């Protein structure tokens, strides 16, 4: 299991477009993927879950991957966050 805390750095936060990008990027991984913000934990492959996380600009989001391809999944997620979901 891998865990990493990432900061939402795109000004609009994780709204519908970034949520769709995230889910599309990780949908084929077999590992379990969760996102946590505060007390809320959601499945990373659920677009509605990602949107309802309400991760605004500056929010800290814990990413948890657990399974066979967890490292690759984490790398993809980190790259999306670092690229500001290609919005800036």
PDB file of N, CA and C in Angstrom:
ATOM      1  N   UNK A   1       0.847  -1.180   0.000  1.00  0.00           N
ATOM      2  CA  UNK A   1       0.000   0.000   0.000  1.00  0.00           C
ATOM      3  C   UNK A   1       0.889   1.239   0.000  1.00  0.00           C
ATOM      4  N   UNK A   2       0.532   2.188  -0.848  1.00  0.00           N
ATOM      5  CA  UNK A   2       1.239   3.457  -0.924  1.00  0.00           C
ATOM      6  C   UNK A   2       0.293   4.581  -0.524  1.00  0.00           C
ATOM      7  N   UNK A   3       0.841   5.571   0.157  1.00  0.00           N
ATOM      8  CA  UNK A   3       0.067   6.754   0.531  1.00  0.00           C
ATOM      9  C   UNK A   3       0.891   7.994   0.233  1.00  0.00           C
ATOM     10  N   UNK A   4       0.227   9.017  -0.283  1.00  0.00           N
ATOM     11  CA  UNK A   4       0.915  10.269  -0.559  1.00  0.00           C
ATOM     12  C   UNK A   4      -0.088  11.400  -0.390  1.00  0.00           C
ATOM     13  N   UNK A   5       0.352  12.488   0.219  1.00  0.00           N
ATOM     14  CA  UNK A   5      -0.505  13.662   0.353  1.00  0.00           C
ATOM     15  C   UNK A   5      -0.126  14.645  -0.744  1.00  0.00           C
ATOM     16  N   UNK A   6      -1.126  15.003  -1.558  1.00  0.00           N
ATOM     17  CA  UNK A   6      -0.926  15.919  -2.672  1.00  0.00           C
ATOM     18  C   UNK A   6      -1.771  17.173  -2.448  1.00  0.00           C
ATOM     19  N   UNK A   7      -1.307  18.286  -2.984  1.00  0.00           N
ATOM     20  CA  UNK A   7      -2.028  19.544  -2.853  1.00  0.00           C
ATOM     21  C   UNK A   7      -2.646  19.917  -4.193  1.00  0.00           C
ATOM     22  N   UNK A   8      -3.911  20.306  -4.146  1.00  0.00           N
ATOM     23  CA  UNK A   8      -4.608  20.746  -5.348  1.00  0.00           C
ATOM     24  C   UNK A   8      -4.062  22.127  -5.701  1.00  0.00           C
ATOM     25  N   UNK A   9      -3.387  22.233  -6.853  1.00  0.00           N
ATOM     26  CA  UNK A   9      -2.726  23.494  -7.182  1.00  0.00           C
ATOM     27  C   UNK A   9      -3.342  24.212  -8.377  1.00  0.00           C
ATOM     28  N   UNK A  10      -4.361  23.632  -8.994  1.00  0.00           N
ATOM     29  CA  UNK A  10      -5.049  24.375 -10.054  1.00  0.00           C
ATOM     30  C   UNK A  10      -6.132  25.234  -9.415  1.00  0.00           C
ATOM     31  N   UNK A  11      -6.250  26.457  -9.881  1.00  0.00           N
ATOM     32  CA  UNK A  11      -7.107  27.469  -9.243  1.00  0.00           C
ATOM     33  C   UNK A  11      -8.571  27.055  -9.102  1.00  0.00           C
ATOM     34  N   UNK A  12      -9.090  26.278 -10.034  1.00  0.00           N
ATOM     35  CA  UNK A  12     -10.499  25.899  -9.992  1.00  0.00           C
ATOM     36  C   UNK A  12     -10.761  24.671  -9.117  1.00  0.00           C
ATOM     37  N   UNK A  13      -9.702  24.046  -8.621  1.00  0.00           N
ATOM     38  CA  UNK A  13      -9.883  22.848  -7.809  1.00  0.00           C
ATOM     39  C   UNK A  13     -10.254  21.651  -8.678  1.00  0.00           C
ATOM     40  N   UNK A  14     -10.655  20.585  -8.015  1.00  0.00           N
ATOM     41  CA  UNK A  14     -11.032  19.381  -8.758  1.00  0.00           C
ATOM     42  C   UNK A  14     -12.535  19.428  -9.003  1.00  0.00           C
ATOM     43  N   UNK A  15     -12.894  20.005 -10.132  1.00  0.00           N
ATOM     44  CA  UNK A  15     -14.288  20.082 -10.563  1.00  0.00           C
ATOM     45  C   UNK A  15     -14.515  18.969 -11.590  1.00  0.00           C
ATOM     46  N   UNK A  16     -15.556  19.063 -12.389  1.00  0.00           N
ATOM     47  CA  UNK A  16     -15.944  17.967 -13.286  1.00  0.00           C
ATOM     48  C   UNK A  16     -14.842  17.559 -14.268  1.00  0.00           C
ATOM     49  N   UNK A  17     -14.189  18.515 -14.917  1.00  0.00           N
ATOM     50  CA  UNK A  17     -13.179  18.170 -15.921  1.00  0.00           C
ATOM     51  C   UNK A  17     -11.975  17.453 -15.303  1.00  0.00           C
ATOM     52  N   UNK A  18     -11.356  18.006 -14.237  1.00  0.00           N
ATOM     53  CA  UNK A  18     -10.242  17.279 -13.625  1.00  0.00           C
ATOM     54  C   UNK A  18     -10.668  15.923 -13.043  1.00  0.00           C
ATOM     55  N   UNK A  19     -11.872  15.849 -12.505  1.00  0.00           N
ATOM     56  CA  UNK A  19     -12.361  14.575 -11.976  1.00  0.00           C
ATOM     57  C   UNK A  19     -12.444  13.545 -13.095  1.00  0.00           C
ATOM     58  N   UNK A  20     -12.964  13.959 -14.248  1.00  0.00           N
ATOM     59  CA  UNK A  20     -13.062  13.049 -15.389  1.00  0.00           C
ATOM     60  C   UNK A  20     -11.677  12.631 -15.873  1.00  0.00           C
ATOM     61  N   UNK A  21     -10.738  13.565 -15.894  1.00  0.00           N
ATOM     62  CA  UNK A  21      -9.364  13.246 -16.302  1.00  0.00           C
ATOM     63  C   UNK A  21      -8.755  12.204 -15.372  1.00  0.00           C
ATOM     64  N   UNK A  22      -8.958  12.406 -14.071  1.00  0.00           N
ATOM     65  CA  UNK A  22      -8.405  11.488 -13.076  1.00  0.00           C
ATOM     66  C   UNK A  22      -8.986  10.088 -13.249  1.00  0.00           C
ATOM     67  N   UNK A  23     -10.297   9.996 -13.312  1.00  0.00           N
ATOM     68  CA  UNK A  23     -10.958   8.695 -13.442  1.00  0.00           C
ATOM     69  C   UNK A  23     -10.546   8.009 -14.746  1.00  0.00           C
ATOM     70  N   UNK A  24     -10.478   8.755 -15.827  1.00  0.00           N
ATOM     71  CA  UNK A  24     -10.069   8.185 -17.118  1.00  0.00           C
ATOM     72  C   UNK A  24      -8.635   7.657 -17.050  1.00  0.00           C
ATOM     73  N   UNK A  25      -7.763   8.392 -16.370  1.00  0.00           N
ATOM     74  CA  UNK A  25      -6.348   8.008 -16.305  1.00  0.00           C
ATOM     75  C   UNK A  25      -6.114   6.750 -15.476  1.00  0.00           C
ATOM     76  N   UNK A  26      -6.981   6.485 -14.502  1.00  0.00           N
ATOM     77  CA  UNK A  26      -6.723   5.358 -13.591  1.00  0.00           C
ATOM     78  C   UNK A  26      -7.682   4.189 -13.761  1.00  0.00           C
ATOM     79  N   UNK A  27      -8.629   4.291 -14.664  1.00  0.00           N
ATOM     80  CA  UNK A  27      -9.686   3.281 -14.774  1.00  0.00           C
ATOM     81  C   UNK A  27      -9.172   1.870 -15.061  1.00  0.00           C
ATOM     82  N   UNK A  28      -8.064   1.729 -15.733  1.00  0.00           N
ATOM     83  CA  UNK A  28      -7.580   0.406 -16.113  1.00  0.00           C
ATOM     84  C   UNK A  28      -6.625  -0.233 -15.103  1.00  0.00           C
ATOM     85  N   UNK A  29      -6.283   0.478 -14.049  1.00  0.00           N
ATOM     86  CA  UNK A  29      -5.431  -0.112 -13.018  1.00  0.00           C
ATOM     87  C   UNK A  29      -6.245  -1.092 -12.185  1.00  0.00           C
ATOM     88  N   UNK A  30      -5.621  -2.180 -11.769  1.00  0.00           N
ATOM     89  CA  UNK A  30      -6.334  -3.188 -10.986  1.00  0.00           C
ATOM     90  C   UNK A  30      -6.304  -2.896  -9.493  1.00  0.00           C
ATOM     91  N   UNK A  31      -5.393  -2.069  -9.050  1.00  0.00           N
ATOM     92  CA  UNK A  31      -5.278  -1.784  -7.624  1.00  0.00           C
ATOM     93  C   UNK A  31      -6.464  -0.939  -7.137  1.00  0.00           C
ATOM     94  N   UNK A  32      -6.680  -0.992  -5.842  1.00  0.00           N
ATOM     95  CA  UNK A  32      -7.690  -0.129  -5.220  1.00  0.00           C
ATOM     96  C   UNK A  32      -7.086   1.260  -5.093  1.00  0.00           C
ATOM     97  N   UNK A  33      -7.885   2.278  -5.378  1.00  0.00           N
ATOM     98  CA  UNK A  33      -7.420   3.661  -5.303  1.00  0.00           C
ATOM     99  C   UNK A  33      -8.447   4.452  -4.521  1.00  0.00           C
ATOM    100  N   UNK A  34      -7.971   5.143  -3.485  1.00  0.00           N
ATOM    101  CA  UNK A  34      -8.844   5.961  -2.653  1.00  0.00           C
ATOM    102  C   UNK A  34      -8.270   7.365  -2.542  1.00  0.00           C
ATOM    103  N   UNK A  35      -9.151   8.332  -2.392  1.00  0.00           N
ATOM    104  CA  UNK A  35      -8.765   9.712  -2.115  1.00  0.00           C
ATOM    105  C   UNK A  35      -9.418  10.106  -0.801  1.00  0.00           C
ATOM    106  N   UNK A  36      -8.663  10.778   0.035  1.00  0.00           N
ATOM    107  CA  UNK A  36      -9.188  11.250   1.309  1.00  0.00           C
ATOM    108  C   UNK A  36      -8.971  12.748   1.444  1.00  0.00           C
ATOM    109  N   UNK A  37      -9.995  13.422   1.931  1.00  0.00           N
ATOM    110  CA  UNK A  37      -9.886  14.837   2.268  1.00  0.00           C
ATOM    111  C   UNK A  37     -10.637  15.017   3.578  1.00  0.00           C
ATOM    112  N   UNK A  38      -9.908  15.392   4.603  1.00  0.00           N
ATOM    113  CA  UNK A  38     -10.522  15.464   5.925  1.00  0.00           C
ATOM    114  C   UNK A  38     -10.978  14.088   6.355  1.00  0.00           C
ATOM    115  N   UNK A  39     -12.228  13.978   6.743  1.00  0.00           N
ATOM    116  CA  UNK A  39     -12.771  12.697   7.199  1.00  0.00           C
ATOM    117  C   UNK A  39     -13.425  11.893   6.082  1.00  0.00           C
ATOM    118  N   UNK A  40     -13.416  12.434   4.878  1.00  0.00           N
ATOM    119  CA  UNK A  40     -14.096  11.783   3.766  1.00  0.00           C
ATOM    120  C   UNK A  40     -13.128  10.948   2.937  1.00  0.00           C
ATOM    121  N   UNK A  41     -13.526   9.713   2.665  1.00  0.00           N
ATOM    122  CA  UNK A  41     -12.745   8.810   1.821  1.00  0.00           C
ATOM    123  C   UNK A  41     -13.650   8.338   0.691  1.00  0.00           C
ATOM    124  N   UNK A  42     -13.147   8.445  -0.533  1.00  0.00           N
ATOM    125  CA  UNK A  42     -13.934   8.018  -1.688  1.00  0.00           C
ATOM    126  C   UNK A  42     -13.089   7.098  -2.564  1.00  0.00           C
ATOM    127  N   UNK A  43     -13.766   6.345  -3.417  1.00  0.00           N
ATOM    128  CA  UNK A  43     -13.074   5.503  -4.392  1.00  0.00           C
ATOM    129  C   UNK A  43     -12.626   6.389  -5.546  1.00  0.00           C
ATOM    130  N   UNK A  44     -11.363   6.321  -5.885  1.00  0.00           N
ATOM    131  CA  UNK A  44     -10.803   7.182  -6.917  1.00  0.00           C
ATOM    132  C   UNK A  44     -11.333   6.926  -8.312  1.00  0.00           C
ATOM    133  N   UNK A  45     -11.913   5.763  -8.549  1.00  0.00           N
ATOM    134  CA  UNK A  45     -12.429   5.436  -9.875  1.00  0.00           C
ATOM    135  C   UNK A  45     -13.884   5.868 -10.048  1.00  0.00           C
ATOM    136  N   UNK A  46     -14.441   6.535  -9.047  1.00  0.00           N
ATOM    137  CA  UNK A  46     -15.825   7.018  -9.105  1.00  0.00           C
ATOM    138  C   UNK A  46     -15.841   8.518  -9.393  1.00  0.00           C
ATOM    139  N   UNK A  47     -16.318   8.911 -10.567  1.00  0.00           N
ATOM    140  CA  UNK A  47     -16.321  10.334 -10.914  1.00  0.00           C
ATOM    141  C   UNK A  47     -17.179  11.134  -9.945  1.00  0.00           C
ATOM    142  N   UNK A  48     -18.312  10.582  -9.548  1.00  0.00           N
ATOM    143  CA  UNK A  48     -19.171  11.297  -8.599  1.00  0.00           C
ATOM    144  C   UNK A  48     -18.490  11.422  -7.236  1.00  0.00           C
ATOM    145  N   UNK A  49     -17.785  10.383  -6.840  1.00  0.00           N
ATOM    146  CA  UNK A  49     -17.047  10.438  -5.585  1.00  0.00           C
ATOM    147  C   UNK A  49     -15.982  11.522  -5.613  1.00  0.00           C
ATOM    148  N   UNK A  50     -15.240  11.587  -6.706  1.00  0.00           N
ATOM    149  CA  UNK A  50     -14.174  12.586  -6.839  1.00  0.00           C
ATOM    150  C   UNK A  50     -14.759  13.994  -6.816  1.00  0.00           C
ATOM    151  N   UNK A  51     -15.869  14.202  -7.510  1.00  0.00           N
ATOM    152  CA  UNK A  51     -16.496  15.528  -7.527  1.00  0.00           C
ATOM    153  C   UNK A  51     -17.008  15.904  -6.144  1.00  0.00           C
ATOM    154  N   UNK A  52     -17.646  14.962  -5.461  1.00  0.00           N
ATOM    155  CA  UNK A  52     -18.217  15.280  -4.145  1.00  0.00           C
ATOM    156  C   UNK A  52     -17.154  15.453  -3.059  1.00  0.00           C
ATOM    157  N   UNK A  53     -15.927  15.116  -3.366  1.00  0.00           N
ATOM    158  CA  UNK A  53     -14.841  15.348  -2.412  1.00  0.00           C
ATOM    159  C   UNK A  53     -14.641  16.844  -2.178  1.00  0.00           C
ATOM    160  N   UNK A  54     -15.065  17.647  -3.129  1.00  0.00           N
ATOM    161  CA  UNK A  54     -14.976  19.118  -3.034  1.00  0.00           C
ATOM    162  C   UNK A  54     -13.553  19.573  -2.710  1.00  0.00           C
ATOM    163  N   UNK A  55     -12.609  19.133  -3.504  1.00  0.00           N
ATOM    164  CA  UNK A  55     -11.207  19.488  -3.289  1.00  0.00           C
ATOM    165  C   UNK A  55     -10.909  20.803  -4.004  1.00  0.00           C
ATOM    166  N   UNK A  56     -10.952  21.878  -3.251  1.00  0.00           N
ATOM    167  CA  UNK A  56     -10.711  23.213  -3.787  1.00  0.00           C
ATOM    168  C   UNK A  56      -9.213  23.499  -3.865  1.00  0.00           C
ATOM    169  N   UNK A  57      -8.885  24.626  -4.496  1.00  0.00           N
ATOM    170  CA  UNK A  57      -7.492  25.077  -4.597  1.00  0.00           C
ATOM    171  C   UNK A  57      -6.859  25.101  -3.206  1.00  0.00           C
ATOM    172  N   UNK A  58      -5.694  24.514  -3.088  1.00  0.00           N
ATOM    173  CA  UNK A  58      -4.963  24.489  -1.826  1.00  0.00           C
ATOM    174  C   UNK A  58      -5.317  23.338  -0.912  1.00  0.00           C
ATOM    175  N   UNK A  59      -6.305  22.541  -1.274  1.00  0.00           N
ATOM    176  CA  UNK A  59      -6.709  21.397  -0.435  1.00  0.00           C
ATOM    177  C   UNK A  59      -5.634  20.318  -0.443  1.00  0.00           C
ATOM    178  N   UNK A  60      -5.462  19.694   0.707  1.00  0.00           N
ATOM    179  CA  UNK A  60      -4.584  18.535   0.809  1.00  0.00           C
ATOM    180  C   UNK A  60      -5.434  17.291   0.606  1.00  0.00           C
ATOM    181  N   UNK A  61      -5.010  16.435  -0.308  1.00  0.00           N
ATOM    182  CA  UNK A  61      -5.723  15.204  -0.616  1.00  0.00           C
ATOM    183  C   UNK A  61      -4.760  14.038  -0.420  1.00  0.00           C
ATOM    184  N   UNK A  62      -5.160  13.097   0.406  1.00  0.00           N
ATOM    185  CA  UNK A  62      -4.340  11.895   0.586  1.00  0.00           C
ATOM    186  C   UNK A  62      -4.762  10.885  -0.473  1.00  0.00           C
ATOM    187  N   UNK A  63      -3.788  10.380  -1.212  1.00  0.00           N
ATOM    188  CA  UNK A  63      -4.027   9.366  -2.232  1.00  0.00           C
ATOM    189  C   UNK A  63      -3.491   8.044  -1.696  1.00  0.00           C
ATOM    190  N   UNK A  64      -4.330   7.022  -1.786  1.00  0.00           N
ATOM    191  CA  UNK A  64      -3.958   5.692  -1.308  1.00  0.00           C
ATOM    192  C   UNK A  64      -4.136   4.718  -2.466  1.00  0.00           C
ATOM    193  N   UNK A  65      -3.084   3.982  -2.775  1.00  0.00           N
ATOM    194  CA  UNK A  65      -3.170   2.927  -3.789  1.00  0.00           C
ATOM    195  C   UNK A  65      -2.754   1.625  -3.125  1.00  0.00           C
ATOM    196  N   UNK A  66      -3.461   0.552  -3.458  1.00  0.00           N
ATOM    197  CA  UNK A  66      -3.176  -0.726  -2.817  1.00  0.00           C
ATOM    198  C   UNK A  66      -3.449  -1.859  -3.793  1.00  0.00           C
ATOM    199  N   UNK A  67      -2.390  -2.523  -4.202  1.00  0.00           N
ATOM    200  CA  UNK A  67      -2.541  -3.656  -5.104  1.00  0.00           C
ATOM    201  C   UNK A  67      -1.347  -3.817  -6.020  1.00  0.00           C
ATOM    202  N   UNK A  68      -1.499  -4.708  -6.948  1.00  0.00           N
ATOM    203  CA  UNK A  68      -0.416  -5.134  -7.834  1.00  0.00           C
ATOM    204  C   UNK A  68       0.266  -3.989  -8.579  1.00  0.00           C
ATOM    205  N   UNK A  69      -0.503  -3.049  -9.127  1.00  0.00           N
ATOM    206  CA  UNK A  69       0.077  -1.966  -9.919  1.00  0.00           C
ATOM    207  C   UNK A  69      -0.030  -0.611  -9.203  1.00  0.00           C
ATOM    208  N   UNK A  70       0.074  -0.651  -7.886  1.00  0.00           N
ATOM    209  CA  UNK A  70      -0.098   0.559  -7.067  1.00  0.00           C
ATOM    210  C   UNK A  70       0.916   1.656  -7.378  1.00  0.00           C
ATOM    211  N   UNK A  71       2.166   1.304  -7.638  1.00  0.00           N
ATOM    212  CA  UNK A  71       3.193   2.315  -7.897  1.00  0.00           C
ATOM    213  C   UNK A  71       2.916   3.054  -9.206  1.00  0.00           C
ATOM    214  N   UNK A  72       2.521   2.320 -10.219  1.00  0.00           N
ATOM    215  CA  UNK A  72       2.218   2.944 -11.509  1.00  0.00           C
ATOM    216  C   UNK A  72       1.007   3.862 -11.393  1.00  0.00           C
ATOM    217  N   UNK A  73      -0.013   3.420 -10.675  1.00  0.00           N
ATOM    218  CA  UNK A  73      -1.208   4.245 -10.480  1.00  0.00           C
ATOM    219  C   UNK A  73      -0.862   5.523  -9.732  1.00  0.00           C
ATOM    220  N   UNK A  74      -0.056   5.396  -8.694  1.00  0.00           N
ATOM    221  CA  UNK A  74       0.341   6.572  -7.927  1.00  0.00           C
ATOM    222  C   UNK A  74       1.104   7.552  -8.808  1.00  0.00           C
ATOM    223  N   UNK A  75       1.996   7.051  -9.648  1.00  0.00           N
ATOM    224  CA  UNK A  75       2.763   7.918 -10.549  1.00  0.00           C
ATOM    225  C   UNK A  75       1.843   8.720 -11.465  1.00  0.00           C
ATOM    226  N   UNK A  76       0.835   8.069 -12.011  1.00  0.00           N
ATOM    227  CA  UNK A  76      -0.114   8.739 -12.911  1.00  0.00           C
ATOM    228  C   UNK A  76      -0.861   9.836 -12.162  1.00  0.00           C
ATOM    229  N   UNK A  77      -1.302   9.537 -10.953  1.00  0.00           N
ATOM    230  CA  UNK A  77      -2.055  10.514 -10.158  1.00  0.00           C
ATOM    231  C   UNK A  77      -1.174  11.697  -9.780  1.00  0.00           C
ATOM    232  N   UNK A  78       0.037  11.430  -9.358  1.00  0.00           N
ATOM    233  CA  UNK A  78       0.968  12.505  -8.998  1.00  0.00           C
ATOM    234  C   UNK A  78       1.216  13.412 -10.202  1.00  0.00           C
ATOM    235  N   UNK A  79       1.411  12.834 -11.376  1.00  0.00           N
ATOM    236  CA  UNK A  79       1.638  13.640 -12.577  1.00  0.00           C
ATOM    237  C   UNK A  79       0.443  14.541 -12.884  1.00  0.00           C
ATOM    238  N   UNK A  80      -0.768  14.030 -12.707  1.00  0.00           N
ATOM    239  CA  UNK A  80      -1.957  14.862 -12.943  1.00  0.00           C
ATOM    240  C   UNK A  80      -1.997  16.049 -11.984  1.00  0.00           C
ATOM    241  N   UNK A  81      -1.755  15.786 -10.710  1.00  0.00           N
ATOM    242  CA  UNK A  81      -1.752  16.875  -9.731  1.00  0.00           C
ATOM    243  C   UNK A  81      -0.650  17.876 -10.043  1.00  0.00           C
ATOM    244  N   UNK A  82       0.546  17.381 -10.382  1.00  0.00           N
ATOM    245  CA  UNK A  82       1.667  18.271 -10.672  1.00  0.00           C
ATOM    246  C   UNK A  82       1.434  19.099 -11.929  1.00  0.00           C
ATOM    247  N   UNK A  83       0.687  18.570 -12.883  1.00  0.00           N
ATOM    248  CA  UNK A  83       0.403  19.306 -14.119  1.00  0.00           C
ATOM    249  C   UNK A  83      -0.778  20.250 -13.953  1.00  0.00           C
ATOM    250  N   UNK A  84      -1.312  20.328 -12.743  1.00  0.00           N
ATOM    251  CA  UNK A  84      -2.487  21.165 -12.449  1.00  0.00           C
ATOM    252  C   UNK A  84      -3.655  20.765 -13.338  1.00  0.00           C
ATOM    253  N   UNK A  85      -3.738  19.458 -13.607  1.00  0.00           N
ATOM    254  CA  UNK A  85      -4.790  18.891 -14.453  1.00  0.00           C
ATOM    255  C   UNK A  85      -4.862  19.599 -15.807  1.00  0.00           C
ATOM    256  N   UNK A  86      -3.684  20.033 -16.277  1.00  0.00           N
ATOM    257  CA  UNK A  86      -3.523  20.684 -17.591  1.00  0.00           C
ATOM    258  C   UNK A  86      -4.419  21.911 -17.754  1.00  0.00           C
ATOM    259  N   UNK A  87      -4.677  22.613 -16.654  1.00  0.00           N
ATOM    260  CA  UNK A  87      -5.537  23.790 -16.717  1.00  0.00           C
ATOM    261  C   UNK A  87      -4.779  25.103 -16.719  1.00  0.00           C
ATOM    262  N   UNK A  88      -3.520  25.090 -16.391  1.00  0.00           N
ATOM    263  CA  UNK A  88      -2.783  26.361 -16.315  1.00  0.00           C
ATOM    264  C   UNK A  88      -1.497  26.257 -17.097  1.00  0.00           C
TER     265      UNK A  88
END
